[in-house]
PDB file of N, CA and C in Angstrom:
ATOM      1  N   MET A   1      15.569  48.748 -42.114  1.00  0.00           N
ATOM      2  CA  MET A   1      14.039  48.997 -41.813  1.00  0.00           C
ATOM      3  C   MET A   1      13.296  49.834 -42.901  1.00  0.00           C
ATOM      4  N   LEU A   2      13.934  50.642 -43.343  1.00  0.00           N
ATOM      5  CA  LEU A   2      13.295  51.135 -44.287  1.00  0.00           C
ATOM      6  C   LEU A   2      13.276  50.552 -45.836  1.00  0.00           C
ATOM      7  N   ARG A   3      14.149  49.548 -46.045  1.00  0.00           N
ATOM      8  CA  ARG A   3      14.147  48.613 -47.252  1.00  0.00           C
ATOM      9  C   ARG A   3      13.191  47.817 -47.180  1.00  0.00           C
ATOM     10  N   LYS A   4      12.795  47.087 -45.685  1.00  0.00           N
ATOM     11  CA  LYS A   4      11.578  46.459 -45.761  1.00  0.00           C
ATOM     12  C   LYS A   4       9.844  47.127 -46.142  1.00  0.00           C
ATOM     13  N   LEU A   5       9.964  48.035 -45.592  1.00  0.00           N
ATOM     14  CA  LEU A   5       9.093  49.010 -45.629  1.00  0.00           C
ATOM     15  C   LEU A   5       8.515  49.384 -47.133  1.00  0.00           C
ATOM     16  N   THR A   6       9.740  49.729 -47.960  1.00  0.00           N
ATOM     17  CA  THR A   6       9.951  49.990 -49.237  1.00  0.00           C
ATOM     18  C   THR A   6       9.299  48.838 -49.921  1.00  0.00           C
ATOM     19  N   LEU A   7      10.230  47.647 -49.789  1.00  0.00           N
ATOM     20  CA  LEU A   7       9.583  46.482 -50.132  1.00  0.00           C
ATOM     21  C   LEU A   7       8.420  45.862 -50.313  1.00  0.00           C
ATOM     22  N   ALA A   8       7.706  46.144 -48.899  1.00  0.00           N
ATOM     23  CA  ALA A   8       6.497  46.041 -48.781  1.00  0.00           C
ATOM     24  C   ALA A   8       5.487  46.707 -49.617  1.00  0.00           C
ATOM     25  N   ALA A   9       5.934  48.163 -49.677  1.00  0.00           N
ATOM     26  CA  ALA A   9       5.100  49.100 -50.565  1.00  0.00           C
ATOM     27  C   ALA A   9       5.175  48.722 -52.058  1.00  0.00           C
ATOM     28  N   VAL A  10       5.955  48.131 -52.456  1.00  0.00           N
ATOM     29  CA  VAL A  10       6.280  47.926 -53.602  1.00  0.00           C
ATOM     30  C   VAL A  10       5.395  46.581 -54.088  1.00  0.00           C
ATOM     31  N   LEU A  11       5.534  45.442 -53.429  1.00  0.00           N
ATOM     32  CA  LEU A  11       4.757  44.685 -53.416  1.00  0.00           C
ATOM     33  C   LEU A  11       3.377  44.452 -53.118  1.00  0.00           C
ATOM     34  N   ALA A  12       2.936  45.594 -52.468  1.00  0.00           N
ATOM     35  CA  ALA A  12       1.609  45.906 -52.165  1.00  0.00           C
ATOM     36  C   ALA A  12       0.881  46.040 -53.374  1.00  0.00           C
ATOM     37  N   LEU A  13       1.712  46.691 -54.386  1.00  0.00           N
ATOM     38  CA  LEU A  13       0.775  46.857 -55.752  1.00  0.00           C
ATOM     39  C   LEU A  13       0.461  45.607 -56.486  1.00  0.00           C
ATOM     40  N   PHE A  14       0.898  44.318 -55.924  1.00  0.00           N
ATOM     41  CA  PHE A  14       0.709  43.469 -56.748  1.00  0.00           C
ATOM     42  C   PHE A  14      -0.759  42.656 -56.252  1.00  0.00           C
ATOM     43  N   PRO A  15      -1.044  41.940 -57.036  1.00  0.00           N
ATOM     44  CA  PRO A  15      -2.417  40.931 -56.864  1.00  0.00           C
ATOM     45  C   PRO A  15      -1.718  39.670 -56.395  1.00  0.00           C
ATOM     46  N   PHE A  16      -1.997  39.793 -54.713  1.00  0.00           N
ATOM     47  CA  PHE A  16      -1.514  38.811 -54.215  1.00  0.00           C
ATOM     48  C   PHE A  16      -2.491  37.644 -53.782  1.00  0.00           C
ATOM     49  N   ALA A  17      -1.925  36.272 -53.273  1.00  0.00           N
ATOM     50  CA  ALA A  17      -2.770  35.234 -53.042  1.00  0.00           C
ATOM     51  C   ALA A  17      -3.634  35.561 -52.118  1.00  0.00           C
ATOM     52  N   ALA A  18      -4.443  34.615 -51.892  1.00  0.00           N
ATOM     53  CA  ALA A  18      -5.539  34.877 -50.401  1.00  0.00           C
ATOM     54  C   ALA A  18      -4.998  35.250 -49.182  1.00  0.00           C
ATOM     55  N   ASN A  19      -3.821  34.410 -48.770  1.00  0.00           N
ATOM     56  CA  ASN A  19      -3.009  34.740 -47.714  1.00  0.00           C
ATOM     57  C   ASN A  19      -2.295  35.995 -47.616  1.00  0.00           C
ATOM     58  N   ALA A  20      -3.072  37.039 -47.026  1.00  0.00           N
ATOM     59  CA  ALA A  20      -2.566  38.610 -46.816  1.00  0.00           C
ATOM     60  C   ALA A  20      -1.563  38.662 -46.259  1.00  0.00           C
ATOM     61  N   GLN A  21      -0.913  37.782 -45.060  1.00  0.00           N
ATOM     62  CA  GLN A  21       0.308  37.932 -44.605  1.00  0.00           C
ATOM     63  C   GLN A  21       1.316  37.577 -45.558  1.00  0.00           C
ATOM     64  N   SER A  22       1.120  36.823 -46.635  1.00  0.00           N
ATOM     65  CA  SER A  22       2.517  36.247 -47.417  1.00  0.00           C
ATOM     66  C   SER A  22       2.630  37.625 -48.299  1.00  0.00           C
ATOM     67  N   MET A  23       3.899  37.738 -48.824  1.00  0.00           N
ATOM     68  CA  MET A  23       4.124  38.622 -49.959  1.00  0.00           C
ATOM     69  C   MET A  23       4.394  37.794 -51.197  1.00  0.00           C
ATOM     70  N   CYS A  24       3.313  37.051 -51.756  1.00  0.00           N
ATOM     71  CA  CYS A  24       3.155  36.079 -52.763  1.00  0.00           C
ATOM     72  C   CYS A  24       2.342  36.723 -54.127  1.00  0.00           C
ATOM     73  N   THR A  25       2.838  36.527 -55.297  1.00  0.00           N
ATOM     74  CA  THR A  25       2.497  36.848 -56.669  1.00  0.00           C
ATOM     75  C   THR A  25       3.083  35.921 -57.670  1.00  0.00           C
ATOM     76  N   GLU A  26       2.920  36.440 -58.860  1.00  0.00           N
ATOM     77  CA  GLU A  26       3.608  35.611 -59.938  1.00  0.00           C
ATOM     78  C   GLU A  26       5.464  36.177 -60.166  1.00  0.00           C
ATOM     79  N   ARG A  27       6.041  35.271 -60.312  1.00  0.00           N
ATOM     80  CA  ARG A  27       7.787  35.119 -60.052  1.00  0.00           C
ATOM     81  C   ARG A  27       7.774  36.522 -60.928  1.00  0.00           C
ATOM     82  N   THR A  28       7.214  36.725 -62.225  1.00  0.00           N
ATOM     83  CA  THR A  28       8.027  37.567 -63.240  1.00  0.00           C
ATOM     84  C   THR A  28       7.738  39.006 -62.745  1.00  0.00           C
ATOM     85  N   ASP A  29       6.370  39.020 -61.792  1.00  0.00           N
ATOM     86  CA  ASP A  29       6.071  40.279 -60.970  1.00  0.00           C
ATOM     87  C   ASP A  29       6.904  40.459 -60.102  1.00  0.00           C
ATOM     88  N   ILE A  30       7.792  39.563 -59.223  1.00  0.00           N
ATOM     89  CA  ILE A  30       8.395  39.922 -58.282  1.00  0.00           C
ATOM     90  C   ILE A  30       9.761  40.205 -58.999  1.00  0.00           C
ATOM     91  N   LEU A  31      10.153  39.549 -59.844  1.00  0.00           N
ATOM     92  CA  LEU A  31      11.394  39.954 -60.459  1.00  0.00           C
ATOM     93  C   LEU A  31      11.544  41.200 -60.986  1.00  0.00           C
ATOM     94  N   LYS A  32      10.261  41.678 -61.846  1.00  0.00           N
ATOM     95  CA  LYS A  32      10.385  43.054 -62.204  1.00  0.00           C
ATOM     96  C   LYS A  32      10.580  44.106 -61.101  1.00  0.00           C
ATOM     97  N   ALA A  33       9.723  43.843 -60.183  1.00  0.00           N
ATOM     98  CA  ALA A  33       9.637  44.911 -58.912  1.00  0.00           C
ATOM     99  C   ALA A  33      11.167  44.987 -58.279  1.00  0.00           C
ATOM    100  N   LEU A  34      11.757  43.929 -58.263  1.00  0.00           N
ATOM    101  CA  LEU A  34      12.800  43.824 -57.497  1.00  0.00           C
ATOM    102  C   LEU A  34      13.789  44.316 -58.377  1.00  0.00           C
ATOM    103  N   GLY A  35      13.928  44.037 -59.454  1.00  0.00           N
ATOM    104  CA  GLY A  35      14.876  44.607 -60.417  1.00  0.00           C
ATOM    105  C   GLY A  35      14.887  46.172 -60.789  1.00  0.00           C
ATOM    106  N   THR A  36      13.729  46.656 -60.910  1.00  0.00           N
ATOM    107  CA  THR A  36      13.383  47.984 -60.993  1.00  0.00           C
ATOM    108  C   THR A  36      13.702  48.938 -59.915  1.00  0.00           C
ATOM    109  N   LYS A  37      13.356  48.659 -58.933  1.00  0.00           N
ATOM    110  CA  LYS A  37      13.444  49.142 -57.662  1.00  0.00           C
ATOM    111  C   LYS A  37      14.928  48.873 -56.868  1.00  0.00           C
ATOM    112  N   TYR A  38      15.222  48.100 -56.861  1.00  0.00           N
ATOM    113  CA  TYR A  38      16.648  47.402 -56.024  1.00  0.00           C
ATOM    114  C   TYR A  38      17.739  47.116 -57.111  1.00  0.00           C
ATOM    115  N   SER A  39      17.522  47.135 -58.547  1.00  0.00           N
ATOM    116  CA  SER A  39      18.511  46.348 -59.212  1.00  0.00           C
ATOM    117  C   SER A  39      18.871  44.961 -58.959  1.00  0.00           C
ATOM    118  N   GLU A  40      18.048  44.200 -58.578  1.00  0.00           N
ATOM    119  CA  GLU A  40      18.441  43.075 -57.882  1.00  0.00           C
ATOM    120  C   GLU A  40      17.978  41.819 -59.072  1.00  0.00           C
ATOM    121  N   ALA A  41      19.085  40.769 -58.997  1.00  0.00           N
ATOM    122  CA  ALA A  41      18.733  39.824 -59.903  1.00  0.00           C
ATOM    123  C   ALA A  41      19.083  38.725 -59.567  1.00  0.00           C
ATOM    124  N   PRO A  42      18.711  37.595 -60.106  1.00  0.00           N
ATOM    125  CA  PRO A  42      18.828  36.185 -59.328  1.00  0.00           C
ATOM    126  C   PRO A  42      20.538  36.178 -59.484  1.00  0.00           C
ATOM    127  N   VAL A  43      20.994  35.249 -58.288  1.00  0.00           N
ATOM    128  CA  VAL A  43      22.499  35.130 -58.144  1.00  0.00           C
ATOM    129  C   VAL A  43      22.673  33.576 -57.732  1.00  0.00           C
ATOM    130  N   ALA A  44      21.831  32.787 -57.186  1.00  0.00           N
ATOM    131  CA  ALA A  44      21.536  31.473 -56.764  1.00  0.00           C
ATOM    132  C   ALA A  44      20.362  31.097 -56.713  1.00  0.00           C
ATOM    133  N   MET A  45      20.455  29.910 -57.330  1.00  0.00           N
ATOM    134  CA  MET A  45      19.180  28.907 -56.951  1.00  0.00           C
ATOM    135  C   MET A  45      19.241  27.669 -56.680  1.00  0.00           C
ATOM    136  N   GLY A  46      18.039  26.899 -55.982  1.00  0.00           N
ATOM    137  CA  GLY A  46      18.345  25.559 -55.715  1.00  0.00           C
ATOM    138  C   GLY A  46      16.742  24.947 -55.679  1.00  0.00           C
ATOM    139  N   LEU A  47      16.761  23.659 -55.857  1.00  0.00           N
ATOM    140  CA  LEU A  47      15.549  22.883 -55.720  1.00  0.00           C
ATOM    141  C   LEU A  47      15.310  22.093 -54.732  1.00  0.00           C
ATOM    142  N   ALA A  48      14.230  22.255 -54.183  1.00  0.00           N
ATOM    143  CA  ALA A  48      13.716  21.364 -52.933  1.00  0.00           C
ATOM    144  C   ALA A  48      13.307  20.357 -53.538  1.00  0.00           C
ATOM    145  N   ALA A  49      13.430  19.086 -52.525  1.00  0.00           N
ATOM    146  CA  ALA A  49      12.734  17.916 -52.729  1.00  0.00           C
ATOM    147  C   ALA A  49      11.282  17.931 -53.109  1.00  0.00           C
ATOM    148  N   ASN A  50      10.246  18.812 -52.352  1.00  0.00           N
ATOM    149  CA  ASN A  50       8.967  19.324 -52.775  1.00  0.00           C
ATOM    150  C   ASN A  50       8.697  19.697 -54.353  1.00  0.00           C
ATOM    151  N   GLY A  51       9.752  20.130 -54.666  1.00  0.00           N
ATOM    152  CA  GLY A  51       9.643  20.716 -56.133  1.00  0.00           C
ATOM    153  C   GLY A  51       9.778  22.306 -56.121  1.00  0.00           C
ATOM    154  N   THR A  52       9.764  22.881 -54.820  1.00  0.00           N
ATOM    155  CA  THR A  52       9.821  24.537 -54.465  1.00  0.00           C
ATOM    156  C   THR A  52      11.063  24.791 -55.159  1.00  0.00           C
ATOM    157  N   VAL A  53      11.127  25.987 -56.028  1.00  0.00           N
ATOM    158  CA  VAL A  53      12.715  26.392 -56.260  1.00  0.00           C
ATOM    159  C   VAL A  53      12.915  27.600 -55.534  1.00  0.00           C
ATOM    160  N   LEU A  54      14.096  27.758 -54.674  1.00  0.00           N
ATOM    161  CA  LEU A  54      14.435  28.637 -53.856  1.00  0.00           C
ATOM    162  C   LEU A  54      15.478  29.412 -54.766  1.00  0.00           C
ATOM    163  N   GLU A  55      15.490  30.777 -54.581  1.00  0.00           N
ATOM    164  CA  GLU A  55      16.159  32.199 -55.216  1.00  0.00           C
ATOM    165  C   GLU A  55      16.809  32.899 -54.392  1.00  0.00           C
ATOM    166  N   VAL A  56      18.026  33.338 -54.743  1.00  0.00           N
ATOM    167  CA  VAL A  56      18.435  34.405 -54.078  1.00  0.00           C
ATOM    168  C   VAL A  56      18.865  35.283 -54.948  1.00  0.00           C
ATOM    169  N   LEU A  57      18.063  36.873 -54.795  1.00  0.00           N
ATOM    170  CA  LEU A  57      18.238  37.834 -55.878  1.00  0.00           C
ATOM    171  C   LEU A  57      19.240  38.841 -55.028  1.00  0.00           C
ATOM    172  N   ALA A  58      20.110  39.339 -55.721  1.00  0.00           N
ATOM    173  CA  ALA A  58      21.055  40.200 -55.147  1.00  0.00           C
ATOM    174  C   ALA A  58      21.422  41.472 -55.882  1.00  0.00           C
ATOM    175  N   SER A  59      21.811  42.445 -55.623  1.00  0.00           N
ATOM    176  CA  SER A  59      22.233  43.817 -56.431  1.00  0.00           C
ATOM    177  C   SER A  59      23.867  44.070 -55.976  1.00  0.00           C
ATOM    178  N   LYS A  60      24.289  45.149 -57.038  1.00  0.00           N
ATOM    179  CA  LYS A  60      25.783  45.279 -56.893  1.00  0.00           C
ATOM    180  C   LYS A  60      25.754  46.185 -55.531  1.00  0.00           C
ATOM    181  N   ASP A  61      24.669  46.689 -55.146  1.00  0.00           N
ATOM    182  CA  ASP A  61      24.836  47.518 -53.902  1.00  0.00           C
ATOM    183  C   ASP A  61      24.463  47.009 -52.307  1.00  0.00           C
ATOM    184  N   GLY A  62      24.343  45.479 -52.749  1.00  0.00           N
ATOM    185  CA  GLY A  62      24.334  44.826 -51.285  1.00  0.00           C
ATOM    186  C   GLY A  62      22.986  44.442 -50.812  1.00  0.00           C
ATOM    187  N   THR A  63      21.936  44.925 -51.512  1.00  0.00           N
ATOM    188  CA  THR A  63      20.600  44.429 -51.051  1.00  0.00           C
ATOM    189  C   THR A  63      20.491  43.045 -51.630  1.00  0.00           C
ATOM    190  N   TRP A  64      19.537  42.184 -50.861  1.00  0.00           N
ATOM    191  CA  TRP A  64      19.263  40.773 -51.351  1.00  0.00           C
ATOM    192  C   TRP A  64      17.730  40.594 -50.742  1.00  0.00           C
ATOM    193  N   THR A  65      17.418  39.571 -51.844  1.00  0.00           N
ATOM    194  CA  THR A  65      16.135  38.889 -51.481  1.00  0.00           C
ATOM    195  C   THR A  65      16.205  37.476 -51.680  1.00  0.00           C
ATOM    196  N   ILE A  66      15.493  37.015 -50.651  1.00  0.00           N
ATOM    197  CA  ILE A  66      15.185  35.579 -50.963  1.00  0.00           C
ATOM    198  C   ILE A  66      13.439  34.985 -51.453  1.00  0.00           C
ATOM    199  N   ILE A  67      13.370  34.575 -52.451  1.00  0.00           N
ATOM    200  CA  ILE A  67      12.099  34.221 -52.905  1.00  0.00           C
ATOM    201  C   ILE A  67      11.975  32.558 -53.219  1.00  0.00           C
ATOM    202  N   PHE A  68      10.732  32.131 -53.052  1.00  0.00           N
ATOM    203  CA  PHE A  68      10.337  30.639 -53.217  1.00  0.00           C
ATOM    204  C   PHE A  68       9.588  30.773 -54.365  1.00  0.00           C
ATOM    205  N   THR A  69       9.808  29.469 -55.465  1.00  0.00           N
ATOM    206  CA  THR A  69       8.154  29.657 -56.292  1.00  0.00           C
ATOM    207  C   THR A  69       7.777  28.075 -56.062  1.00  0.00           C
ATOM    208  N   ARG A  70       6.826  27.847 -55.744  1.00  0.00           N
ATOM    209  CA  ARG A  70       6.219  26.600 -56.088  1.00  0.00           C
ATOM    210  C   ARG A  70       5.934  25.711 -57.061  1.00  0.00           C
ATOM    211  N   PRO A  71       5.749  24.718 -56.976  1.00  0.00           N
ATOM    212  CA  PRO A  71       5.363  24.037 -58.541  1.00  0.00           C
ATOM    213  C   PRO A  71       3.861  24.465 -59.166  1.00  0.00           C
ATOM    214  N   ASN A  72       2.999  25.028 -58.555  1.00  0.00           N
ATOM    215  CA  ASN A  72       1.919  25.813 -59.215  1.00  0.00           C
ATOM    216  C   ASN A  72       2.312  27.170 -59.756  1.00  0.00           C
ATOM    217  N   GLY A  73       3.704  27.913 -59.487  1.00  0.00           N
ATOM    218  CA  GLY A  73       4.214  28.754 -60.084  1.00  0.00           C
ATOM    219  C   GLY A  73       4.005  30.102 -59.430  1.00  0.00           C
ATOM    220  N   MET A  74       3.569  30.149 -58.037  1.00  0.00           N
ATOM    221  CA  MET A  74       3.334  31.442 -57.373  1.00  0.00           C
ATOM    222  C   MET A  74       4.624  31.379 -56.457  1.00  0.00           C
ATOM    223  N   SER A  75       5.507  32.522 -56.501  1.00  0.00           N
ATOM    224  CA  SER A  75       6.286  32.907 -55.869  1.00  0.00           C
ATOM    225  C   SER A  75       5.984  33.959 -54.624  1.00  0.00           C
ATOM    226  N   CYS A  76       6.915  33.602 -53.630  1.00  0.00           N
ATOM    227  CA  CYS A  76       6.673  34.382 -52.472  1.00  0.00           C
ATOM    228  C   CYS A  76       8.177  34.789 -51.755  1.00  0.00           C
ATOM    229  N   VAL A  77       8.006  36.210 -51.199  1.00  0.00           N
ATOM    230  CA  VAL A  77       9.261  36.697 -50.569  1.00  0.00           C
ATOM    231  C   VAL A  77       9.434  35.860 -49.240  1.00  0.00           C
ATOM    232  N   LEU A  78      10.397  35.425 -49.133  1.00  0.00           N
ATOM    233  CA  LEU A  78      10.789  34.686 -47.885  1.00  0.00           C
ATOM    234  C   LEU A  78      11.632  35.533 -47.082  1.00  0.00           C
ATOM    235  N   ALA A  79      12.613  36.349 -47.371  1.00  0.00           N
ATOM    236  CA  ALA A  79      13.678  37.299 -46.464  1.00  0.00           C
ATOM    237  C   ALA A  79      13.883  38.411 -47.534  1.00  0.00           C
ATOM    238  N   ALA A  80      14.571  39.441 -46.600  1.00  0.00           N
ATOM    239  CA  ALA A  80      15.084  40.553 -47.331  1.00  0.00           C
ATOM    240  C   ALA A  80      15.913  41.238 -46.614  1.00  0.00           C
ATOM    241  N   GLY A  81      17.259  41.898 -47.296  1.00  0.00           N
ATOM    242  CA  GLY A  81      18.076  42.432 -46.271  1.00  0.00           C
ATOM    243  C   GLY A  81      19.072  43.329 -47.024  1.00  0.00           C
ATOM    244  N   GLN A  82      20.173  43.515 -46.353  1.00  0.00           N
ATOM    245  CA  GLN A  82      21.372  44.518 -47.000  1.00  0.00           C
ATOM    246  C   GLN A  82      22.644  43.741 -46.592  1.00  0.00           C
ATOM    247  N   SER A  83      23.695  44.308 -47.413  1.00  0.00           N
ATOM    248  CA  SER A  83      25.013  44.064 -47.143  1.00  0.00           C
ATOM    249  C   SER A  83      25.389  42.267 -47.494  1.00  0.00           C
ATOM    250  N   TRP A  84      24.756  41.977 -48.782  1.00  0.00           N
ATOM    251  CA  TRP A  84      25.014  40.700 -49.407  1.00  0.00           C
ATOM    252  C   TRP A  84      26.214  40.740 -49.747  1.00  0.00           C
ATOM    253  N   GLU A  85      27.213  39.517 -49.469  1.00  0.00           N
ATOM    254  CA  GLU A  85      28.269  39.124 -49.846  1.00  0.00           C
ATOM    255  C   GLU A  85      28.680  37.979 -50.731  1.00  0.00           C
ATOM    256  N   SER A  86      28.957  37.782 -51.456  1.00  0.00           N
ATOM    257  CA  SER A  86      28.997  36.340 -52.703  1.00  0.00           C
ATOM    258  C   SER A  86      30.209  35.859 -51.729  1.00  0.00           C
ATOM    259  N   ILE A  87      30.383  34.443 -51.598  1.00  0.00           N
ATOM    260  CA  ILE A  87      31.645  33.667 -51.524  1.00  0.00           C
ATOM    261  C   ILE A  87      31.884  32.827 -52.546  1.00  0.00           C
ATOM    262  N   GLU A  88      33.363  32.790 -52.590  1.00  0.00           N
ATOM    263  CA  GLU A  88      33.761  32.113 -53.423  1.00  0.00           C
ATOM    264  C   GLU A  88      33.289  30.724 -53.499  1.00  0.00           C
ATOM    265  N   LYS A  89      33.115  29.768 -54.475  1.00  0.00           N
ATOM    266  CA  LYS A  89      32.587  28.285 -54.641  1.00  0.00           C
ATOM    267  C   LYS A  89      33.600  27.638 -53.850  1.00  0.00           C
ATOM    268  N   THR A  90      35.047  27.677 -54.189  1.00  0.00           N
ATOM    269  CA  THR A  90      36.140  27.030 -53.446  1.00  0.00           C
ATOM    270  C   THR A  90      36.147  27.158 -51.967  1.00  0.00           C
ATOM    271  N   ALA A  91      35.972  28.379 -51.626  1.00  0.00           N
ATOM    272  CA  ALA A  91      35.846  28.547 -50.138  1.00  0.00           C
ATOM    273  C   ALA A  91      34.628  28.157 -49.706  1.00  0.00           C
ATOM    274  N   ALA A  92      33.421  28.086 -50.204  1.00  0.00           N
ATOM    275  CA  ALA A  92      31.990  27.487 -49.424  1.00  0.00           C
ATOM    276  C   ALA A  92      32.394  26.219 -49.240  1.00  0.00           C
ATOM    277  N   LEU A  93      32.911  25.387 -50.363  1.00  0.00           N
ATOM    278  CA  LEU A  93      33.254  24.005 -50.224  1.00  0.00           C
ATOM    279  C   LEU A  93      34.119  23.461 -48.909  1.00  0.00           C
ATOM    280  N   GLY A  94      35.078  24.333 -48.647  1.00  0.00           N
ATOM    281  CA  GLY A  94      36.144  24.190 -48.076  1.00  0.00           C
ATOM    282  C   GLY A  94      37.392  23.464 -48.460  1.00  0.00           C
ATOM    283  N   PRO A  95      38.086  23.074 -47.627  1.00  0.00           N
ATOM    284  CA  PRO A  95      39.592  22.573 -48.235  1.00  0.00           C
ATOM    285  C   PRO A  95      39.186  21.275 -48.997  1.00  0.00           C
ATOM    286  N   LYS A  96      40.018  21.242 -50.109  1.00  0.00           N
ATOM    287  CA  LYS A  96      39.984  19.933 -50.701  1.00  0.00           C
ATOM    288  C   LYS A  96      40.489  18.398 -50.100  1.00  0.00           C
ATOM    289  N   ALA A  97      40.097  17.404 -49.940  1.00  0.00           N
ATOM    290  CA  ALA A  97      40.732  16.252 -49.372  1.00  0.00           C
ATOM    291  C   ALA A  97      41.807  15.952 -50.117  1.00  0.00           C
TER     292      ALA A  97
END
């Protein structure tokens, strides 16, 4: 709970989009804030069919944040939490056929 409040406070310093309920700003601002405050860096990403990029950022301490970036360059925080664990690629894909 404290992490969510701190993240909201950090991101409150940024010029957000008109929708006040979304934590959205330029991607570089989000990456800088999460890197500075939580030592989070991108660890995974994927491209959705609509052109939106989804990224997972995580720290060695286990904090994590999921952001998405729209084709227009605006990024938004989707979720954040603790206890991030990376899963080996082979384990994630299941047994080989």
